[in-house]
Amino acid sequence: MALADYIQTKPVIETERLRLRPMTKEDVSALKEWMPDERIYTYWGKGPSRTDKQPELLFEKQEKPSKSFHLGIEEKEAGKVIGDLWIYLIENDRMATAAIRLSFSYQRKGYGTEALAAMTRFCFDHTELQRLQAEVDVRNVASYRMLEKCGYQREGMIRQGKMVNSWCDYYIYGILSSDRNE
């Protein structure tokens, strides 16, 4: 399959504890529990946006067909979305950027690592993507450890660069499809 196969219909990816899937209006109450929480934006590069504070706005407009992925991270046991994950800024169907955020209550329990590892495998096994990368504030130790557990390698540091809407030092992490064969 290829990225083009997922333009209209996004995948559902299952792990032991999680289901990565498109979010729906039925998820709004779960999203309201964590999306407005300022604690998850400490190293995000910006504070909560209008749609983060009012998640129902996410579903007011028809989503435009895209090769990018924005999936909810559903914790199977609780049956609710506890975070979200993006694969975006896709260049020439070869490389993309990954980003993840997780409810503060579900952090430090391995959910982020499980979700990112599953999404990374999916991208390399079911699309033509050859490289995924991520930016992470140097102060965000938990996030860069998660990336490293998923096989991403620290490739460099941007000093006082702009990450979303804030100026900070941040690391660039990357993983290649071929890294998994080493």
C-alpha atoms as a PDB file:
ATOM      1  CA  MET A   1       0.000   0.000   0.000  1.00  0.00           C
ATOM      2  CA  ALA A   2       0.961   3.641  -0.258  1.00  0.00           C
ATOM      3  CA  LEU A   3       0.156   6.962   1.395  1.00  0.00           C
ATOM      4  CA  ALA A   4      -2.302   7.626  -1.430  1.00  0.00           C
ATOM      5  CA  ASP A   5      -4.338   4.615  -0.261  1.00  0.00           C
ATOM      6  CA  TYR A   6      -5.029   6.410   3.038  1.00  0.00           C
ATOM      7  CA  ILE A   7      -6.183   9.772   1.682  1.00  0.00           C
ATOM      8  CA  GLN A   8      -9.882   9.012   2.197  1.00  0.00           C
ATOM      9  CA  THR A   9      -9.796   6.268   4.822  1.00  0.00           C
ATOM     10  CA  LYS A  10      -7.329   6.449   7.691  1.00  0.00           C
ATOM     11  CA  PRO A  11      -5.992   3.262   9.286  1.00  0.00           C
ATOM     12  CA  VAL A  12      -6.870   1.727  12.623  1.00  0.00           C
ATOM     13  CA  ILE A  13      -3.749   0.362  14.323  1.00  0.00           C
ATOM     14  CA  GLU A  14      -4.062  -2.027  17.274  1.00  0.00           C
ATOM     15  CA  THR A  15      -1.492  -2.680  19.996  1.00  0.00           C
ATOM     16  CA  GLU A  16      -1.825  -4.637  23.220  1.00  0.00           C
ATOM     17  CA  ARG A  17      -3.344  -1.711  25.156  1.00  0.00           C
ATOM     18  CA  LEU A  18      -4.155   0.857  22.489  1.00  0.00           C
ATOM     19  CA  ARG A  19      -6.107   1.519  19.331  1.00  0.00           C
ATOM     20  CA  LEU A  20      -4.850   4.325  17.078  1.00  0.00           C
ATOM     21  CA  ARG A  21      -7.820   5.526  15.067  1.00  0.00           C
ATOM     22  CA  PRO A  22      -9.555   8.520  13.549  1.00  0.00           C
ATOM     23  CA  MET A  23     -11.383  10.540  16.168  1.00  0.00           C
ATOM     24  CA  THR A  24     -15.130  11.174  15.986  1.00  0.00           C
ATOM     25  CA  LYS A  25     -17.692  13.478  17.603  1.00  0.00           C
ATOM     26  CA  GLU A  26     -18.301  10.718  20.152  1.00  0.00           C
ATOM     27  CA  ASP A  27     -14.778  11.377  21.500  1.00  0.00           C
ATOM     28  CA  VAL A  28     -15.475  14.994  22.500  1.00  0.00           C
ATOM     29  CA  SER A  29     -16.173  14.281  26.185  1.00  0.00           C
ATOM     30  CA  ALA A  30     -12.889  12.325  26.512  1.00  0.00           C
ATOM     31  CA  LEU A  31     -10.998  15.059  24.635  1.00  0.00           C
ATOM     32  CA  LYS A  32     -12.402  17.708  26.991  1.00  0.00           C
ATOM     33  CA  GLU A  33     -10.800  15.828  29.899  1.00  0.00           C
ATOM     34  CA  TRP A  34      -7.241  16.446  28.703  1.00  0.00           C
ATOM     35  CA  MET A  35      -6.925  18.732  25.665  1.00  0.00           C
ATOM     36  CA  PRO A  36      -7.407  22.025  27.579  1.00  0.00           C
ATOM     37  CA  ASP A  37      -4.940  20.935  30.320  1.00  0.00           C
ATOM     38  CA  GLU A  38      -2.099  23.486  30.207  1.00  0.00           C
ATOM     39  CA  ARG A  39       0.366  20.949  31.671  1.00  0.00           C
ATOM     40  CA  ILE A  40       0.571  19.044  28.387  1.00  0.00           C
ATOM     41  CA  TYR A  41       1.663  22.195  26.544  1.00  0.00           C
ATOM     42  CA  THR A  42       4.730  22.976  28.692  1.00  0.00           C
ATOM     43  CA  TYR A  43       7.106  21.893  25.888  1.00  0.00           C
ATOM     44  CA  TRP A  44       4.644  21.872  22.975  1.00  0.00           C
ATOM     45  CA  GLY A  45       5.740  25.234  21.595  1.00  0.00           C
ATOM     46  CA  LYS A  46       2.387  26.895  22.268  1.00  0.00           C
ATOM     47  CA  GLY A  47      -0.479  26.833  24.716  1.00  0.00           C
ATOM     48  CA  PRO A  48      -3.864  25.236  24.108  1.00  0.00           C
ATOM     49  CA  SER A  49      -5.590  26.593  21.022  1.00  0.00           C
ATOM     50  CA  ARG A  50      -9.266  27.385  20.654  1.00  0.00           C
ATOM     51  CA  THR A  51      -9.959  23.859  19.372  1.00  0.00           C
ATOM     52  CA  ASP A  52      -7.916  22.356  22.230  1.00  0.00           C
ATOM     53  CA  LYS A  53     -10.137  24.237  24.672  1.00  0.00           C
ATOM     54  CA  GLN A  54     -13.287  23.359  22.721  1.00  0.00           C
ATOM     55  CA  PRO A  55     -12.635  19.960  21.042  1.00  0.00           C
ATOM     56  CA  GLU A  56     -16.119  19.872  19.533  1.00  0.00           C
ATOM     57  CA  LEU A  57     -14.810  22.456  17.022  1.00  0.00           C
ATOM     58  CA  LEU A  58     -12.591  19.725  15.526  1.00  0.00           C
ATOM     59  CA  PHE A  59     -15.676  18.119  14.035  1.00  0.00           C
ATOM     60  CA  GLU A  60     -17.520  21.175  12.724  1.00  0.00           C
ATOM     61  CA  LYS A  61     -15.765  21.177   9.359  1.00  0.00           C
ATOM     62  CA  GLN A  62     -15.374  18.268   6.998  1.00  0.00           C
ATOM     63  CA  GLU A  63     -11.754  17.100   7.148  1.00  0.00           C
ATOM     64  CA  LYS A  64      -9.979  17.669   3.842  1.00  0.00           C
ATOM     65  CA  PRO A  65      -8.549  14.575   2.165  1.00  0.00           C
ATOM     66  CA  SER A  66      -4.840  14.352   2.965  1.00  0.00           C
ATOM     67  CA  LYS A  67      -1.936  11.937   3.056  1.00  0.00           C
ATOM     68  CA  SER A  68      -1.222  13.119   6.617  1.00  0.00           C
ATOM     69  CA  PHE A  69      -2.446  11.180   9.632  1.00  0.00           C
ATOM     70  CA  HIS A  70      -4.013  12.602  12.771  1.00  0.00           C
ATOM     71  CA  LEU A  71      -5.151   9.701  14.912  1.00  0.00           C
ATOM     72  CA  GLY A  72      -6.574   9.478  18.387  1.00  0.00           C
ATOM     73  CA  ILE A  73      -4.858   7.195  20.897  1.00  0.00           C
ATOM     74  CA  GLU A  74      -7.633   5.150  22.492  1.00  0.00           C
ATOM     75  CA  GLU A  75      -6.865   3.228  25.667  1.00  0.00           C
ATOM     76  CA  LYS A  76      -8.782  -0.005  25.052  1.00  0.00           C
ATOM     77  CA  GLU A  77      -9.653  -0.805  28.670  1.00  0.00           C
ATOM     78  CA  ALA A  78     -11.093   2.648  29.369  1.00  0.00           C
ATOM     79  CA  GLY A  79     -12.539   2.881  25.856  1.00  0.00           C
ATOM     80  CA  LYS A  80     -11.585   6.530  25.499  1.00  0.00           C
ATOM     81  CA  VAL A  81      -9.121   8.699  23.621  1.00  0.00           C
ATOM     82  CA  ILE A  82      -6.211   9.646  25.885  1.00  0.00           C
ATOM     83  CA  GLY A  83      -3.974  11.377  23.347  1.00  0.00           C
ATOM     84  CA  ASP A  84      -3.332  11.994  19.681  1.00  0.00           C
ATOM     85  CA  LEU A  85      -0.590  11.429  17.176  1.00  0.00           C
ATOM     86  CA  TRP A  86       0.295  13.101  13.877  1.00  0.00           C
ATOM     87  CA  ILE A  87       2.312  12.125  10.846  1.00  0.00           C
ATOM     88  CA  TYR A  88       2.431  15.344   8.838  1.00  0.00           C
ATOM     89  CA  LEU A  89       4.611  17.659   6.706  1.00  0.00           C
ATOM     90  CA  ILE A  90       5.023  14.785   4.266  1.00  0.00           C
ATOM     91  CA  GLU A  91       7.643  15.543   1.631  1.00  0.00           C
ATOM     92  CA  ASN A  92       7.674  13.659  -1.675  1.00  0.00           C
ATOM     93  CA  ASP A  93       6.011  10.663   0.020  1.00  0.00           C
ATOM     94  CA  ARG A  94       9.468   9.923   1.437  1.00  0.00           C
ATOM     95  CA  MET A  95       9.770  11.729   4.776  1.00  0.00           C
ATOM     96  CA  ALA A  96       7.423  13.135   7.385  1.00  0.00           C
ATOM     97  CA  THR A  97       7.306  14.645  10.846  1.00  0.00           C
ATOM     98  CA  ALA A  98       5.817  12.824  13.832  1.00  0.00           C
ATOM     99  CA  ALA A  99       4.247  14.445  16.890  1.00  0.00           C
ATOM    100  CA  ILE A 100       2.398  13.002  19.857  1.00  0.00           C
ATOM    101  CA  ARG A 101       0.654  14.324  22.942  1.00  0.00           C
ATOM    102  CA  LEU A 102      -0.895  12.428  25.773  1.00  0.00           C
ATOM    103  CA  SER A 103      -3.255  13.196  28.628  1.00  0.00           C
ATOM    104  CA  PHE A 104      -1.261  14.170  31.698  1.00  0.00           C
ATOM    105  CA  SER A 105      -2.979  11.362  33.659  1.00  0.00           C
ATOM    106  CA  TYR A 106      -1.705   8.738  31.215  1.00  0.00           C
ATOM    107  CA  GLN A 107       1.883   9.964  30.906  1.00  0.00           C
ATOM    108  CA  ARG A 108       4.826   7.909  32.223  1.00  0.00           C
ATOM    109  CA  LYS A 109       2.983   4.606  31.752  1.00  0.00           C
ATOM    110  CA  GLY A 110       4.455   3.603  28.387  1.00  0.00           C
ATOM    111  CA  TYR A 111       1.405   4.571  26.326  1.00  0.00           C
ATOM    112  CA  GLY A 112       3.292   7.168  24.279  1.00  0.00           C
ATOM    113  CA  THR A 113       6.093   4.721  23.469  1.00  0.00           C
ATOM    114  CA  GLU A 114       3.575   2.015  22.528  1.00  0.00           C
ATOM    115  CA  ALA A 115       1.633   4.391  20.267  1.00  0.00           C
ATOM    116  CA  LEU A 116       4.670   5.942  18.559  1.00  0.00           C
ATOM    117  CA  ALA A 117       6.352   2.569  18.000  1.00  0.00           C
ATOM    118  CA  ALA A 118       3.159   1.197  16.407  1.00  0.00           C
ATOM    119  CA  MET A 119       2.733   4.266  14.190  1.00  0.00           C
ATOM    120  CA  THR A 120       6.384   4.166  13.134  1.00  0.00           C
ATOM    121  CA  ARG A 121       6.100   0.463  12.190  1.00  0.00           C
ATOM    122  CA  PHE A 122       2.892   1.172  10.299  1.00  0.00           C
ATOM    123  CA  CYS A 123       4.480   4.001   8.289  1.00  0.00           C
ATOM    124  CA  PHE A 124       7.473   1.904   7.282  1.00  0.00           C
ATOM    125  CA  ASP A 125       5.513  -1.304   6.627  1.00  0.00           C
ATOM    126  CA  HIS A 126       2.440   0.115   4.858  1.00  0.00           C
ATOM    127  CA  THR A 127       3.579   3.315   3.140  1.00  0.00           C
ATOM    128  CA  GLU A 128       6.543   4.403   1.080  1.00  0.00           C
ATOM    129  CA  LEU A 129       7.847   6.674   3.853  1.00  0.00           C
ATOM    130  CA  GLN A 130      11.572   6.130   4.431  1.00  0.00           C
ATOM    131  CA  ARG A 131      12.201   8.691   7.181  1.00  0.00           C
ATOM    132  CA  LEU A 132      10.314  10.037  10.170  1.00  0.00           C
ATOM    133  CA  GLN A 133      11.579  12.903  12.282  1.00  0.00           C
ATOM    134  CA  ALA A 134      10.513  14.795  15.374  1.00  0.00           C
ATOM    135  CA  GLU A 135      11.474  17.971  17.201  1.00  0.00           C
ATOM    136  CA  VAL A 136      11.615  17.976  20.991  1.00  0.00           C
ATOM    137  CA  ASP A 137      12.447  20.734  23.469  1.00  0.00           C
ATOM    138  CA  VAL A 138      15.746  19.846  25.194  1.00  0.00           C
ATOM    139  CA  ARG A 139      14.028  20.190  28.587  1.00  0.00           C
ATOM    140  CA  ASN A 140      11.444  17.536  27.674  1.00  0.00           C
ATOM    141  CA  VAL A 141      13.426  14.517  28.883  1.00  0.00           C
ATOM    142  CA  ALA A 142      10.420  12.143  28.908  1.00  0.00           C
ATOM    143  CA  SER A 143       9.662  12.838  25.233  1.00  0.00           C
ATOM    144  CA  TYR A 144      13.166  12.362  23.941  1.00  0.00           C
ATOM    145  CA  ARG A 145      13.555   9.172  25.970  1.00  0.00           C
ATOM    146  CA  MET A 146      10.337   7.926  24.369  1.00  0.00           C
ATOM    147  CA  LEU A 147      11.725   8.695  20.915  1.00  0.00           C
ATOM    148  CA  GLU A 148      14.943   6.842  21.735  1.00  0.00           C
ATOM    149  CA  LYS A 149      12.989   3.788  22.985  1.00  0.00           C
ATOM    150  CA  CYS A 150      11.227   3.763  19.609  1.00  0.00           C
ATOM    151  CA  GLY A 151      14.552   3.725  17.741  1.00  0.00           C
ATOM    152  CA  TYR A 152      14.752   7.404  16.820  1.00  0.00           C
ATOM    153  CA  GLN A 153      18.271   8.808  16.900  1.00  0.00           C
ATOM    154  CA  ARG A 154      19.282  12.275  18.043  1.00  0.00           C
ATOM    155  CA  GLU A 155      20.645  13.945  14.929  1.00  0.00           C
ATOM    156  CA  GLY A 156      21.345  17.415  16.208  1.00  0.00           C
ATOM    157  CA  MET A 157      20.260  20.388  18.229  1.00  0.00           C
ATOM    158  CA  ILE A 158      18.866  23.706  17.088  1.00  0.00           C
ATOM    159  CA  ARG A 159      19.939  26.473  19.425  1.00  0.00           C
ATOM    160  CA  GLN A 160      17.306  29.120  20.148  1.00  0.00           C
ATOM    161  CA  GLY A 161      15.237  28.081  17.155  1.00  0.00           C
ATOM    162  CA  LYS A 162      11.535  28.525  16.662  1.00  0.00           C
ATOM    163  CA  MET A 163       9.547  25.448  17.620  1.00  0.00           C
ATOM    164  CA  VAL A 164       5.919  26.116  16.734  1.00  0.00           C
ATOM    165  CA  ASN A 165       5.464  29.534  18.432  1.00  0.00           C
ATOM    166  CA  SER A 166       8.243  29.525  21.014  1.00  0.00           C
ATOM    167  CA  TRP A 167      11.969  30.098  20.875  1.00  0.00           C
ATOM    168  CA  CYS A 168      13.998  27.401  22.592  1.00  0.00           C
ATOM    169  CA  ASP A 169      16.795  24.890  22.173  1.00  0.00           C
ATOM    170  CA  TYR A 170      15.404  21.715  20.633  1.00  0.00           C
ATOM    171  CA  TYR A 171      16.650  18.386  19.394  1.00  0.00           C
ATOM    172  CA  ILE A 172      16.006  16.861  16.003  1.00  0.00           C
ATOM    173  CA  TYR A 173      15.366  13.118  16.131  1.00  0.00           C
ATOM    174  CA  GLY A 174      15.050  10.845  13.132  1.00  0.00           C
ATOM    175  CA  ILE A 175      14.548   7.233  12.167  1.00  0.00           C
ATOM    176  CA  LEU A 176      14.967   5.600   8.774  1.00  0.00           C
ATOM    177  CA  SER A 177      13.122   2.560   7.563  1.00  0.00           C
ATOM    178  CA  SER A 178      16.530   0.910   7.069  1.00  0.00           C
ATOM    179  CA  ASP A 179      17.429   1.504  10.754  1.00  0.00           C
ATOM    180  CA  ARG A 180      15.095  -1.316  11.698  1.00  0.00           C
ATOM    181  CA  ASN A 181      17.224  -3.814   9.789  1.00  0.00           C
ATOM    182  CA  GLU A 182      20.463  -2.967  11.579  1.00  0.00           C
END
